[in-house]
Amino acid sequence: MKDCGLRKGRPTGCPRYRKFTRELEEHKTHPEIMVVILVNTEAPQVTVHRRIGEAWSAATMEGLDAMLDLPEIDTRLALSDIFEGLTFDQG
């Protein structure tokens, strides 16, 4: 079995990556879903997919001092709060 870690680019042949992509696209088909937040489990990083009209945009925040703005629910979160108590491999 090969490592299909998503942080190594876009391993489109990897079953895990295909499932992840399929699920993300499925969420985007529901008109009531306005935001999808993907939390990286291997680094302090989140990617926010936002519906803008009929299209979607994506923005990535990295680092424990980054802030995640969620105006859709009038909230602002620090990545340091999301990842509180976790440590990450620096290599």
C-alpha atoms as a PDB file:
ATOM      1  CA  MET A   1       0.000   0.000   0.000  1.00  0.00           C
ATOM      2  CA  LYS A   2       1.401   3.408  -0.942  1.00  0.00           C
ATOM      3  CA  ASP A   3       1.184   6.612   1.071  1.00  0.00           C
ATOM      4  CA  CYS A   4      -1.336   8.904  -0.584  1.00  0.00           C
ATOM      5  CA  GLY A   5      -0.857  11.883   1.718  1.00  0.00           C
ATOM      6  CA  LEU A   6      -2.683  14.919   0.360  1.00  0.00           C
ATOM      7  CA  ARG A   7       0.132  17.249   1.399  1.00  0.00           C
ATOM      8  CA  LYS A   8       2.351  15.784  -1.327  1.00  0.00           C
ATOM      9  CA  GLY A   9       0.411  17.474  -4.081  1.00  0.00           C
ATOM     10  CA  ARG A  10      -2.628  16.053  -5.796  1.00  0.00           C
ATOM     11  CA  PRO A  11      -2.255  12.292  -6.042  1.00  0.00           C
ATOM     12  CA  THR A  12      -5.278  11.871  -8.305  1.00  0.00           C
ATOM     13  CA  GLY A  13      -4.690   8.130  -8.665  1.00  0.00           C
ATOM     14  CA  CYS A  14      -4.968   7.583  -4.923  1.00  0.00           C
ATOM     15  CA  PRO A  15      -8.295   6.108  -3.740  1.00  0.00           C
ATOM     16  CA  ARG A  16      -8.271   8.290  -0.616  1.00  0.00           C
ATOM     17  CA  TYR A  17      -7.820  11.446  -2.679  1.00  0.00           C
ATOM     18  CA  ARG A  18     -10.574  10.446  -5.119  1.00  0.00           C
ATOM     19  CA  LYS A  19     -12.963   9.815  -2.198  1.00  0.00           C
ATOM     20  CA  PHE A  20     -12.034  13.158  -0.616  1.00  0.00           C
ATOM     21  CA  THR A  21     -12.612  15.008  -3.901  1.00  0.00           C
ATOM     22  CA  ARG A  22     -15.891  13.204  -4.536  1.00  0.00           C
ATOM     23  CA  GLU A  23     -17.189  14.080  -1.052  1.00  0.00           C
ATOM     24  CA  LEU A  24     -16.185  17.742  -1.392  1.00  0.00           C
ATOM     25  CA  GLU A  25     -17.935  17.999  -4.752  1.00  0.00           C
ATOM     26  CA  GLU A  26     -21.008  16.285  -3.274  1.00  0.00           C
ATOM     27  CA  HIS A  27     -21.190  18.901  -0.498  1.00  0.00           C
ATOM     28  CA  LYS A  28     -21.007  21.644  -3.108  1.00  0.00           C
ATOM     29  CA  THR A  29     -24.129  20.350  -4.868  1.00  0.00           C
ATOM     30  CA  HIS A  30     -26.363  21.146  -1.890  1.00  0.00           C
ATOM     31  CA  PRO A  31     -27.612  24.728  -2.291  1.00  0.00           C
ATOM     32  CA  GLU A  32     -28.014  25.240   1.453  1.00  0.00           C
ATOM     33  CA  ILE A  33     -24.290  24.606   2.068  1.00  0.00           C
ATOM     34  CA  MET A  34     -22.452  27.910   1.779  1.00  0.00           C
ATOM     35  CA  VAL A  35     -19.081  27.030   3.339  1.00  0.00           C
ATOM     36  CA  VAL A  36     -16.988  23.871   3.554  1.00  0.00           C
ATOM     37  CA  ILE A  37     -13.959  23.951   5.871  1.00  0.00           C
ATOM     38  CA  LEU A  38     -11.212  21.379   5.434  1.00  0.00           C
ATOM     39  CA  VAL A  39      -8.882  20.998   8.394  1.00  0.00           C
ATOM     40  CA  ASN A  40      -5.432  19.563   7.724  1.00  0.00           C
ATOM     41  CA  THR A  41      -4.541  16.946  10.320  1.00  0.00           C
ATOM     42  CA  GLU A  42      -0.800  17.077   9.628  1.00  0.00           C
ATOM     43  CA  ALA A  43      -0.139  20.829   9.749  1.00  0.00           C
ATOM     44  CA  PRO A  44      -1.801  23.964  11.147  1.00  0.00           C
ATOM     45  CA  GLN A  45      -3.722  24.682   7.958  1.00  0.00           C
ATOM     46  CA  VAL A  46      -7.352  25.024   6.922  1.00  0.00           C
ATOM     47  CA  THR A  47      -8.884  25.506   3.497  1.00  0.00           C
ATOM     48  CA  VAL A  48     -12.217  27.269   3.249  1.00  0.00           C
ATOM     49  CA  HIS A  49     -14.424  26.699   0.208  1.00  0.00           C
ATOM     50  CA  ARG A  50     -17.114  29.385  -0.128  1.00  0.00           C
ATOM     51  CA  ARG A  51     -20.112  29.593  -2.403  1.00  0.00           C
ATOM     52  CA  ILE A  52     -20.224  32.905  -4.240  1.00  0.00           C
ATOM     53  CA  GLY A  53     -23.363  32.928  -6.323  1.00  0.00           C
ATOM     54  CA  GLU A  54     -23.167  29.828  -8.502  1.00  0.00           C
ATOM     55  CA  ALA A  55     -19.378  29.506  -8.193  1.00  0.00           C
ATOM     56  CA  TRP A  56     -17.034  28.427  -5.402  1.00  0.00           C
ATOM     57  CA  SER A  57     -13.785  29.990  -4.244  1.00  0.00           C
ATOM     58  CA  ALA A  58     -11.115  28.482  -2.016  1.00  0.00           C
ATOM     59  CA  ALA A  59      -8.728  30.160   0.409  1.00  0.00           C
ATOM     60  CA  THR A  60      -6.095  28.521   2.577  1.00  0.00           C
ATOM     61  CA  MET A  61      -4.914  29.807   5.951  1.00  0.00           C
ATOM     62  CA  GLU A  62      -1.664  28.504   7.412  1.00  0.00           C
ATOM     63  CA  GLY A  63       0.085  28.931  10.724  1.00  0.00           C
ATOM     64  CA  LEU A  64      -1.122  29.039  14.285  1.00  0.00           C
ATOM     65  CA  ASP A  65      -1.433  32.844  14.275  1.00  0.00           C
ATOM     66  CA  ALA A  66      -3.756  32.881  11.228  1.00  0.00           C
ATOM     67  CA  MET A  67      -7.402  33.787  11.686  1.00  0.00           C
ATOM     68  CA  LEU A  68     -10.363  32.062  10.068  1.00  0.00           C
ATOM     69  CA  ASP A  69     -13.156  34.547   9.358  1.00  0.00           C
ATOM     70  CA  LEU A  70     -16.642  33.065   9.088  1.00  0.00           C
ATOM     71  CA  PRO A  71     -18.974  36.026   8.457  1.00  0.00           C
ATOM     72  CA  GLU A  72     -21.704  33.560   7.476  1.00  0.00           C
ATOM     73  CA  ILE A  73     -22.113  32.781  11.184  1.00  0.00           C
ATOM     74  CA  ASP A  74     -20.605  36.001  12.553  1.00  0.00           C
ATOM     75  CA  THR A  75     -17.552  34.193  13.928  1.00  0.00           C
ATOM     76  CA  ARG A  76     -13.793  34.538  13.824  1.00  0.00           C
ATOM     77  CA  LEU A  77     -11.548  31.663  14.938  1.00  0.00           C
ATOM     78  CA  ALA A  78      -7.818  31.586  15.563  1.00  0.00           C
ATOM     79  CA  LEU A  79      -6.095  28.550  14.079  1.00  0.00           C
ATOM     80  CA  SER A  80      -4.292  28.292  17.407  1.00  0.00           C
ATOM     81  CA  ASP A  81      -7.695  27.569  18.996  1.00  0.00           C
ATOM     82  CA  ILE A  82      -8.634  25.004  16.355  1.00  0.00           C
ATOM     83  CA  PHE A  83      -5.323  23.173  16.798  1.00  0.00           C
ATOM     84  CA  GLU A  84      -4.986  23.724  20.564  1.00  0.00           C
ATOM     85  CA  GLY A  85      -3.006  20.952  22.258  1.00  0.00           C
ATOM     86  CA  LEU A  86      -1.693  19.476  19.005  1.00  0.00           C
ATOM     87  CA  THR A  87       1.929  19.325  17.896  1.00  0.00           C
ATOM     88  CA  PHE A  88       3.114  18.971  14.323  1.00  0.00           C
ATOM     89  CA  ASP A  89       6.128  17.406  12.655  1.00  0.00           C
ATOM     90  CA  GLN A  90       8.377  20.200  11.406  1.00  0.00           C
ATOM     91  CA  GLY A  91      10.007  17.969   8.760  1.00  0.00           C
END
